[in-house]
C-alpha atoms as a PDB file:
ATOM      1  CA  UNK A   1     -10.124  -8.780  23.974  1.00  0.00           C
ATOM      2  CA  UNK A   2      -9.401  -5.756  21.741  1.00  0.00           C
ATOM      3  CA  UNK A   3     -12.327  -4.909  19.468  1.00  0.00           C
ATOM      4  CA  UNK A   4     -10.831  -1.962  17.589  1.00  0.00           C
ATOM      5  CA  UNK A   5      -7.946   0.493  17.619  1.00  0.00           C
ATOM      6  CA  UNK A   6      -7.863   4.155  16.616  1.00  0.00           C
ATOM      7  CA  UNK A   7      -4.541   5.898  16.272  1.00  0.00           C
ATOM      8  CA  UNK A   8      -1.982   7.492  13.992  1.00  0.00           C
ATOM      9  CA  UNK A   9      -0.528   5.256  11.295  1.00  0.00           C
ATOM     10  CA  UNK A  10       3.159   4.968  12.205  1.00  0.00           C
ATOM     11  CA  UNK A  11       4.232   2.287   9.705  1.00  0.00           C
ATOM     12  CA  UNK A  12       2.759   0.307   6.800  1.00  0.00           C
ATOM     13  CA  UNK A  13       3.956  -2.952   5.294  1.00  0.00           C
ATOM     14  CA  UNK A  14       2.523  -5.245   2.650  1.00  0.00           C
ATOM     15  CA  UNK A  15       0.582  -7.203   5.277  1.00  0.00           C
ATOM     16  CA  UNK A  16       0.749  -5.109   8.448  1.00  0.00           C
ATOM     17  CA  UNK A  17      -0.043  -1.689   9.888  1.00  0.00           C
ATOM     18  CA  UNK A  18       1.415  -0.112  13.031  1.00  0.00           C
ATOM     19  CA  UNK A  19      -0.919   2.285  14.833  1.00  0.00           C
ATOM     20  CA  UNK A  20       0.424   4.700  17.425  1.00  0.00           C
ATOM     21  CA  UNK A  21      -2.250   4.639  20.131  1.00  0.00           C
ATOM     22  CA  UNK A  22      -1.378   7.184  22.821  1.00  0.00           C
ATOM     23  CA  UNK A  23       2.308   6.383  22.528  1.00  0.00           C
ATOM     24  CA  UNK A  24       1.938   2.619  22.161  1.00  0.00           C
ATOM     25  CA  UNK A  25       2.856   1.145  18.773  1.00  0.00           C
ATOM     26  CA  UNK A  26       0.271  -1.550  18.049  1.00  0.00           C
ATOM     27  CA  UNK A  27       1.268  -3.830  15.157  1.00  0.00           C
ATOM     28  CA  UNK A  28      -1.662  -5.514  13.417  1.00  0.00           C
ATOM     29  CA  UNK A  29      -1.457  -8.064  10.624  1.00  0.00           C
ATOM     30  CA  UNK A  30      -3.730  -6.981   7.755  1.00  0.00           C
ATOM     31  CA  UNK A  31      -4.837  -8.022   4.305  1.00  0.00           C
ATOM     32  CA  UNK A  32      -2.935  -6.230   1.526  1.00  0.00           C
ATOM     33  CA  UNK A  33      -6.086  -4.269   0.676  1.00  0.00           C
ATOM     34  CA  UNK A  34      -6.437  -2.987   4.235  1.00  0.00           C
ATOM     35  CA  UNK A  35      -2.761  -2.042   4.410  1.00  0.00           C
ATOM     36  CA  UNK A  36      -3.122  -0.175   1.115  1.00  0.00           C
ATOM     37  CA  UNK A  37      -6.161   1.747   2.352  1.00  0.00           C
ATOM     38  CA  UNK A  38      -4.385   3.619   5.169  1.00  0.00           C
ATOM     39  CA  UNK A  39      -1.891   6.488   4.956  1.00  0.00           C
ATOM     40  CA  UNK A  40       1.189   7.297   7.015  1.00  0.00           C
ATOM     41  CA  UNK A  41       0.652   9.901   9.741  1.00  0.00           C
ATOM     42  CA  UNK A  42      -3.121   9.829   9.213  1.00  0.00           C
ATOM     43  CA  UNK A  43      -5.611   8.824  11.907  1.00  0.00           C
ATOM     44  CA  UNK A  44      -7.155   5.447  11.192  1.00  0.00           C
ATOM     45  CA  UNK A  45      -9.408   2.892  12.879  1.00  0.00           C
ATOM     46  CA  UNK A  46      -8.893  -0.843  12.505  1.00  0.00           C
ATOM     47  CA  UNK A  47     -11.311  -3.475  13.758  1.00  0.00           C
ATOM     48  CA  UNK A  48      -9.240  -6.147  15.441  1.00  0.00           C
ATOM     49  CA  UNK A  49      -9.126  -9.784  16.471  1.00  0.00           C
ATOM     50  CA  UNK A  50      -6.494 -11.235  18.783  1.00  0.00           C
ATOM     51  CA  UNK A  51      -5.252 -14.776  18.238  1.00  0.00           C
ATOM     52  CA  UNK A  52      -3.581 -16.247  21.310  1.00  0.00           C
ATOM     53  CA  UNK A  53      -1.286 -19.252  21.081  1.00  0.00           C
ATOM     54  CA  UNK A  54       0.971 -20.873  23.672  1.00  0.00           C
ATOM     55  CA  UNK A  55       3.992 -19.027  22.313  1.00  0.00           C
ATOM     56  CA  UNK A  56       2.479 -15.905  20.734  1.00  0.00           C
ATOM     57  CA  UNK A  57      -0.216 -13.233  20.788  1.00  0.00           C
ATOM     58  CA  UNK A  58      -1.043 -11.826  17.352  1.00  0.00           C
ATOM     59  CA  UNK A  59      -3.361  -8.931  16.575  1.00  0.00           C
ATOM     60  CA  UNK A  60      -5.138  -8.925  13.198  1.00  0.00           C
ATOM     61  CA  UNK A  61      -6.610  -5.698  11.827  1.00  0.00           C
ATOM     62  CA  UNK A  62      -9.468  -5.163   9.370  1.00  0.00           C
ATOM     63  CA  UNK A  63     -11.066  -2.263   7.545  1.00  0.00           C
ATOM     64  CA  UNK A  64     -14.541  -3.165   8.805  1.00  0.00           C
ATOM     65  CA  UNK A  65     -16.215  -5.074  11.615  1.00  0.00           C
ATOM     66  CA  UNK A  66     -17.760  -7.370   8.992  1.00  0.00           C
ATOM     67  CA  UNK A  67     -14.330  -8.436   7.747  1.00  0.00           C
ATOM     68  CA  UNK A  68     -13.208  -9.115  11.317  1.00  0.00           C
ATOM     69  CA  UNK A  69     -16.351 -11.154  11.973  1.00  0.00           C
ATOM     70  CA  UNK A  70     -15.721 -13.140   8.794  1.00  0.00           C
ATOM     71  CA  UNK A  71     -12.137 -13.812   9.918  1.00  0.00           C
ATOM     72  CA  UNK A  72     -13.370 -15.135  13.261  1.00  0.00           C
ATOM     73  CA  UNK A  73     -16.234 -17.134  11.738  1.00  0.00           C
ATOM     74  CA  UNK A  74     -13.991 -18.972   9.292  1.00  0.00           C
ATOM     75  CA  UNK A  75     -11.737 -20.094  12.144  1.00  0.00           C
ATOM     76  CA  UNK A  76     -14.683 -21.776  13.848  1.00  0.00           C
ATOM     77  CA  UNK A  77     -14.514 -24.431  11.114  1.00  0.00           C
ATOM     78  CA  UNK A  78     -12.324 -27.365  12.135  1.00  0.00           C
ATOM     79  CA  UNK A  79      -8.792 -27.291  10.765  1.00  0.00           C
ATOM     80  CA  UNK A  80      -8.904 -23.616   9.755  1.00  0.00           C
ATOM     81  CA  UNK A  81      -6.353 -21.295  11.348  1.00  0.00           C
ATOM     82  CA  UNK A  82      -5.744 -17.556  11.119  1.00  0.00           C
ATOM     83  CA  UNK A  83      -3.548 -17.772   8.006  1.00  0.00           C
ATOM     84  CA  UNK A  84      -6.281 -19.346   5.874  1.00  0.00           C
ATOM     85  CA  UNK A  85      -8.939 -17.171   7.523  1.00  0.00           C
ATOM     86  CA  UNK A  86      -6.982 -14.071   6.506  1.00  0.00           C
ATOM     87  CA  UNK A  87      -6.658 -15.454   2.982  1.00  0.00           C
ATOM     88  CA  UNK A  88     -10.458 -15.809   2.872  1.00  0.00           C
ATOM     89  CA  UNK A  89     -10.874 -12.140   3.831  1.00  0.00           C
ATOM     90  CA  UNK A  90      -8.290 -11.181   1.183  1.00  0.00           C
ATOM     91  CA  UNK A  91     -10.156 -12.998  -1.575  1.00  0.00           C
ATOM     92  CA  UNK A  92     -13.827 -12.655  -0.619  1.00  0.00           C
ATOM     93  CA  UNK A  93     -16.045  -9.952   0.847  1.00  0.00           C
ATOM     94  CA  UNK A  94     -18.377 -11.003   3.694  1.00  0.00           C
ATOM     95  CA  UNK A  95     -21.305 -10.942   1.257  1.00  0.00           C
ATOM     96  CA  UNK A  96     -19.405 -13.074  -1.275  1.00  0.00           C
ATOM     97  CA  UNK A  97     -18.518 -15.606   1.406  1.00  0.00           C
ATOM     98  CA  UNK A  98     -22.051 -15.775   2.768  1.00  0.00           C
ATOM     99  CA  UNK A  99     -23.406 -16.342  -0.744  1.00  0.00           C
ATOM    100  CA  UNK A 100     -20.796 -19.029  -1.475  1.00  0.00           C
ATOM    101  CA  UNK A 101     -21.629 -20.939   1.716  1.00  0.00           C
ATOM    102  CA  UNK A 102     -25.399 -20.582   1.285  1.00  0.00           C
ATOM    103  CA  UNK A 103     -25.285 -21.785  -2.331  1.00  0.00           C
ATOM    104  CA  UNK A 104     -22.591 -24.422  -1.630  1.00  0.00           C
ATOM    105  CA  UNK A 105     -20.389 -22.812  -4.271  1.00  0.00           C
ATOM    106  CA  UNK A 106     -17.247 -24.910  -3.823  1.00  0.00           C
ATOM    107  CA  UNK A 107     -15.582 -23.369  -6.892  1.00  0.00           C
ATOM    108  CA  UNK A 108     -15.647 -19.913  -5.289  1.00  0.00           C
ATOM    109  CA  UNK A 109     -14.332 -21.230  -1.973  1.00  0.00           C
ATOM    110  CA  UNK A 110     -11.521 -23.140  -3.669  1.00  0.00           C
ATOM    111  CA  UNK A 111     -10.166 -19.867  -5.083  1.00  0.00           C
ATOM    112  CA  UNK A 112      -8.829 -19.141  -1.603  1.00  0.00           C
ATOM    113  CA  UNK A 113      -5.170 -20.234  -1.257  1.00  0.00           C
ATOM    114  CA  UNK A 114      -4.955 -23.242   1.050  1.00  0.00           C
ATOM    115  CA  UNK A 115      -8.552 -24.424   0.605  1.00  0.00           C
ATOM    116  CA  UNK A 116      -9.150 -27.519  -1.500  1.00  0.00           C
ATOM    117  CA  UNK A 117     -12.412 -29.186  -2.433  1.00  0.00           C
ATOM    118  CA  UNK A 118     -12.612 -31.277   0.745  1.00  0.00           C
ATOM    119  CA  UNK A 119     -11.861 -28.243   2.898  1.00  0.00           C
ATOM    120  CA  UNK A 120     -14.515 -26.241   1.060  1.00  0.00           C
ATOM    121  CA  UNK A 121     -17.089 -28.996   1.591  1.00  0.00           C
ATOM    122  CA  UNK A 122     -16.258 -29.096   5.298  1.00  0.00           C
ATOM    123  CA  UNK A 123     -16.649 -25.317   5.576  1.00  0.00           C
ATOM    124  CA  UNK A 124     -20.076 -25.453   3.913  1.00  0.00           C
ATOM    125  CA  UNK A 125     -21.256 -28.164   6.306  1.00  0.00           C
ATOM    126  CA  UNK A 126     -19.900 -26.505   9.450  1.00  0.00           C
ATOM    127  CA  UNK A 127     -20.665 -22.859   8.660  1.00  0.00           C
ATOM    128  CA  UNK A 128     -23.959 -22.965   6.790  1.00  0.00           C
ATOM    129  CA  UNK A 129     -25.988 -22.442   9.963  1.00  0.00           C
ATOM    130  CA  UNK A 130     -23.631 -19.738  11.261  1.00  0.00           C
ATOM    131  CA  UNK A 131     -22.991 -17.630   8.184  1.00  0.00           C
ATOM    132  CA  UNK A 132     -26.120 -15.503   8.472  1.00  0.00           C
ATOM    133  CA  UNK A 133     -24.626 -13.956  11.595  1.00  0.00           C
ATOM    134  CA  UNK A 134     -22.356 -11.957   9.292  1.00  0.00           C
ATOM    135  CA  UNK A 135     -23.585  -8.404   8.751  1.00  0.00           C
ATOM    136  CA  UNK A 136     -25.030  -7.412   5.404  1.00  0.00           C
ATOM    137  CA  UNK A 137     -22.778  -4.391   4.964  1.00  0.00           C
ATOM    138  CA  UNK A 138     -19.763  -4.924   2.757  1.00  0.00           C
ATOM    139  CA  UNK A 139     -16.315  -3.549   3.495  1.00  0.00           C
ATOM    140  CA  UNK A 140     -15.536  -0.042   2.266  1.00  0.00           C
ATOM    141  CA  UNK A 141     -13.810   0.187  -1.087  1.00  0.00           C
ATOM    142  CA  UNK A 142     -10.117   1.069  -0.753  1.00  0.00           C
ATOM    143  CA  UNK A 143      -8.675   3.956  -2.713  1.00  0.00           C
ATOM    144  CA  UNK A 144      -7.409   3.471  -6.251  1.00  0.00           C
ATOM    145  CA  UNK A 145      -4.370   1.343  -6.961  1.00  0.00           C
ATOM    146  CA  UNK A 146      -2.209   4.042  -8.527  1.00  0.00           C
ATOM    147  CA  UNK A 147       0.075   3.416 -11.474  1.00  0.00           C
ATOM    148  CA  UNK A 148       3.314   3.441  -9.492  1.00  0.00           C
ATOM    149  CA  UNK A 149       2.295   1.365  -6.476  1.00  0.00           C
ATOM    150  CA  UNK A 150      -0.167  -1.359  -7.336  1.00  0.00           C
ATOM    151  CA  UNK A 151       2.263  -3.986  -8.651  1.00  0.00           C
ATOM    152  CA  UNK A 152       4.491  -3.854  -5.581  1.00  0.00           C
ATOM    153  CA  UNK A 153       1.521  -3.955  -3.205  1.00  0.00           C
ATOM    154  CA  UNK A 154      -0.165  -6.865  -4.968  1.00  0.00           C
ATOM    155  CA  UNK A 155       3.102  -8.799  -5.347  1.00  0.00           C
ATOM    156  CA  UNK A 156       4.075  -8.295  -1.699  1.00  0.00           C
ATOM    157  CA  UNK A 157       0.574  -9.220  -0.596  1.00  0.00           C
ATOM    158  CA  UNK A 158       0.580 -12.463  -2.595  1.00  0.00           C
ATOM    159  CA  UNK A 159       3.996 -13.404  -1.227  1.00  0.00           C
ATOM    160  CA  UNK A 160       2.684 -12.656   2.254  1.00  0.00           C
ATOM    161  CA  UNK A 161      -0.044 -15.240   1.604  1.00  0.00           C
ATOM    162  CA  UNK A 162       2.557 -17.841   0.666  1.00  0.00           C
ATOM    163  CA  UNK A 163       2.980 -17.553  -3.103  1.00  0.00           C
ATOM    164  CA  UNK A 164       6.457 -17.418  -4.634  1.00  0.00           C
ATOM    165  CA  UNK A 165       7.857 -14.183  -6.056  1.00  0.00           C
ATOM    166  CA  UNK A 166       7.702 -15.716  -9.554  1.00  0.00           C
ATOM    167  CA  UNK A 167       4.029 -16.661  -9.178  1.00  0.00           C
ATOM    168  CA  UNK A 168       3.225 -13.256  -7.690  1.00  0.00           C
ATOM    169  CA  UNK A 169       4.800 -11.418 -10.625  1.00  0.00           C
ATOM    170  CA  UNK A 170       2.981 -13.666 -13.104  1.00  0.00           C
ATOM    171  CA  UNK A 171      -0.310 -12.905 -11.359  1.00  0.00           C
ATOM    172  CA  UNK A 172       0.445  -9.172 -11.558  1.00  0.00           C
ATOM    173  CA  UNK A 173       0.974  -9.546 -15.307  1.00  0.00           C
ATOM    174  CA  UNK A 174      -2.417 -11.260 -15.530  1.00  0.00           C
ATOM    175  CA  UNK A 175      -4.257  -8.341 -13.914  1.00  0.00           C
ATOM    176  CA  UNK A 176      -2.269  -5.444 -15.394  1.00  0.00           C
ATOM    177  CA  UNK A 177      -4.978  -4.895 -18.013  1.00  0.00           C
ATOM    178  CA  UNK A 178      -7.439  -3.985 -15.235  1.00  0.00           C
ATOM    179  CA  UNK A 179      -5.270  -1.003 -14.277  1.00  0.00           C
ATOM    180  CA  UNK A 180      -5.023   0.046 -17.926  1.00  0.00           C
ATOM    181  CA  UNK A 181      -8.814  -0.098 -18.240  1.00  0.00           C
ATOM    182  CA  UNK A 182      -9.476   1.690 -14.946  1.00  0.00           C
ATOM    183  CA  UNK A 183      -6.574   3.542 -13.251  1.00  0.00           C
ATOM    184  CA  UNK A 184      -8.764   3.970 -10.159  1.00  0.00           C
ATOM    185  CA  UNK A 185      -9.280   0.245  -9.613  1.00  0.00           C
ATOM    186  CA  UNK A 186      -8.804  -0.757  -5.969  1.00  0.00           C
ATOM    187  CA  UNK A 187      -6.046  -2.955  -4.592  1.00  0.00           C
ATOM    188  CA  UNK A 188      -8.684  -5.333  -3.201  1.00  0.00           C
ATOM    189  CA  UNK A 189     -10.064  -5.948  -6.705  1.00  0.00           C
ATOM    190  CA  UNK A 190      -6.581  -6.545  -8.108  1.00  0.00           C
ATOM    191  CA  UNK A 191      -5.704  -8.917  -5.263  1.00  0.00           C
ATOM    192  CA  UNK A 192      -8.859 -10.972  -5.754  1.00  0.00           C
ATOM    193  CA  UNK A 193      -8.352 -11.240  -9.506  1.00  0.00           C
ATOM    194  CA  UNK A 194      -4.670 -12.097  -9.046  1.00  0.00           C
ATOM    195  CA  UNK A 195      -5.627 -14.889  -6.637  1.00  0.00           C
ATOM    196  CA  UNK A 196      -8.242 -16.141  -9.100  1.00  0.00           C
ATOM    197  CA  UNK A 197      -5.586 -16.362 -11.815  1.00  0.00           C
ATOM    198  CA  UNK A 198      -3.271 -18.291  -9.480  1.00  0.00           C
ATOM    199  CA  UNK A 199      -6.071 -20.669  -8.521  1.00  0.00           C
ATOM    200  CA  UNK A 200      -6.412 -21.660 -12.192  1.00  0.00           C
ATOM    201  CA  UNK A 201      -2.821 -22.888 -12.361  1.00  0.00           C
END
């Protein structure tokens, strides 16, 4: 219904962005990496997907059309809803997901919160013939994490995906060395590595 939105960023949360589009405040649920990539009062474009339920209409926003297409593709697998689909986009790029499905890499798929081995097997079976429809272009790399902000953004993002505050803080501790090694590391990279560390628990 709504393919994309361009407007002024009016508000940013750990997992949402509000765009002011000609006076209308459009709230979109986003991955933590997407939320971290926009700036208040700046003009931004989000590629969107609307999920309609009997009691709600929810708009999801993504940094690229490929991420949006991945979000929609994952939901075409039986038993997969928008929450898990958004977790997939948080953890894997479209190229990573396509490679995991094509090679039947269940280990990679099981790193996504909410997907177990049986769910991963089902996704491979149901999506293997569809996955090539995803574009070959990967999502743009978000800006650097920043020494003062990354921990809060990653922690809030993990809690938004369903992890406890304690687990989120532990995961931040596990990836802190990446910021020390490269202060310009992106939030998306930190989120993926934090989720990998939680998946090992």
